[in-house]
Protein backbone atom coordinates (compact mmCIF):
# COMPACT_ATOMS: atom_id res chain seq x y z
CA MET A 1 7.18 -4.89 9.38
CA ASP A 2 7.94 -1.24 8.75
CA SER A 3 7.31 1.33 11.44
CA ILE A 4 5.53 4.59 10.78
CA ARG A 5 8.90 6.36 11.12
CA GLU A 6 10.42 4.10 8.47
CA ARG A 7 7.50 4.74 6.12
CA VAL A 8 7.94 8.51 6.61
CA ARG A 9 11.63 8.09 5.73
CA GLN A 10 10.72 6.00 2.68
CA ALA A 11 8.22 8.59 1.48
CA MET A 12 10.73 11.41 1.91
CA GLU A 13 13.45 9.44 0.11
CA TRP A 14 11.01 8.71 -2.72
CA LEU A 15 10.23 12.43 -3.06
CA LYS A 16 13.96 13.17 -3.34
CA ASP A 17 14.76 10.20 -5.61
CA ASN A 18 12.07 11.37 -8.01
CA ARG A 19 13.47 14.90 -7.92
CA LEU A 20 10.31 16.45 -6.54
CA PHE A 21 12.41 17.92 -3.71
CA ASN A 22 16.17 18.16 -3.42
CA SER A 23 16.52 17.89 0.36
CA ASN A 24 14.80 17.15 3.65
CA ARG A 25 15.03 20.88 4.33
CA ALA A 26 13.00 21.64 1.19
CA ILE A 27 10.41 19.04 2.19
CA ALA A 28 10.20 20.47 5.72
CA GLU A 29 9.77 24.02 4.47
CA LYS A 30 7.02 22.98 2.03
CA MET A 31 5.29 21.13 4.90
CA GLY A 32 5.47 24.28 7.03
CA TYR A 33 7.82 22.69 9.56
CA ASN A 34 11.20 23.75 10.83
CA PRO A 35 13.80 21.40 9.31
CA SER A 36 15.02 20.49 12.79
CA VAL A 37 11.54 19.18 13.69
CA VAL A 38 11.55 16.93 10.62
CA SER A 39 15.01 15.70 11.55
CA GLN A 40 13.83 14.90 15.07
CA VAL A 41 10.88 12.91 13.71
CA ILE A 42 13.13 10.95 11.35
CA THR A 43 15.72 10.17 14.03
CA GLY A 44 13.14 9.18 16.64
CA LYS A 45 13.66 12.13 18.98
CA SER A 46 10.06 13.22 18.36
CA ASN A 47 6.94 11.16 17.77
CA VAL A 48 5.28 11.00 14.38
CA SER A 49 1.94 12.78 14.70
CA GLU A 50 -1.10 12.42 12.50
CA ARG A 51 -0.77 16.13 11.70
CA PHE A 52 2.83 15.58 10.55
CA VAL A 53 1.83 12.73 8.21
CA LYS A 54 -1.11 14.72 6.81
CA SER A 55 1.24 17.64 6.17
CA LEU A 56 3.71 15.36 4.38
CA CYS A 57 0.94 13.93 2.21
CA SER A 58 -0.37 17.42 1.42
CA ILE A 59 2.83 18.40 -0.39
CA TYR A 60 2.40 15.53 -2.86
CA PRO A 61 -1.21 14.26 -2.87
CA PRO A 62 -0.42 10.85 -4.45
CA LEU A 63 1.35 9.93 -1.18
CA SER A 64 -0.95 7.63 0.75
CA PHE A 65 -1.79 8.83 4.26
CA GLU A 66 -3.25 5.40 5.01
CA TRP A 67 -0.03 3.63 4.00
CA ILE A 68 2.26 5.97 5.94
CA TRP A 69 0.03 6.06 9.03
CA SER A 70 -0.96 2.40 9.28
CA GLY A 71 1.05 0.45 6.72
CA ASN A 72 -2.05 -0.53 4.70
């Protein structure tokens, strides 16, 4: 079973694979986060917050908050 952190990674990779963003830095900036904060979330140094997931989903509305947050 995927963790929330893994689903965040998958969503970010999907955004880059589909050329919507060219880097994690670009995603972070669009989300309104410092790139180092996004890196810390991805590597497990910081917890994934609901606010973080909502911000990620806000940059590309077809991303499913429910899927990222709970796996459903």
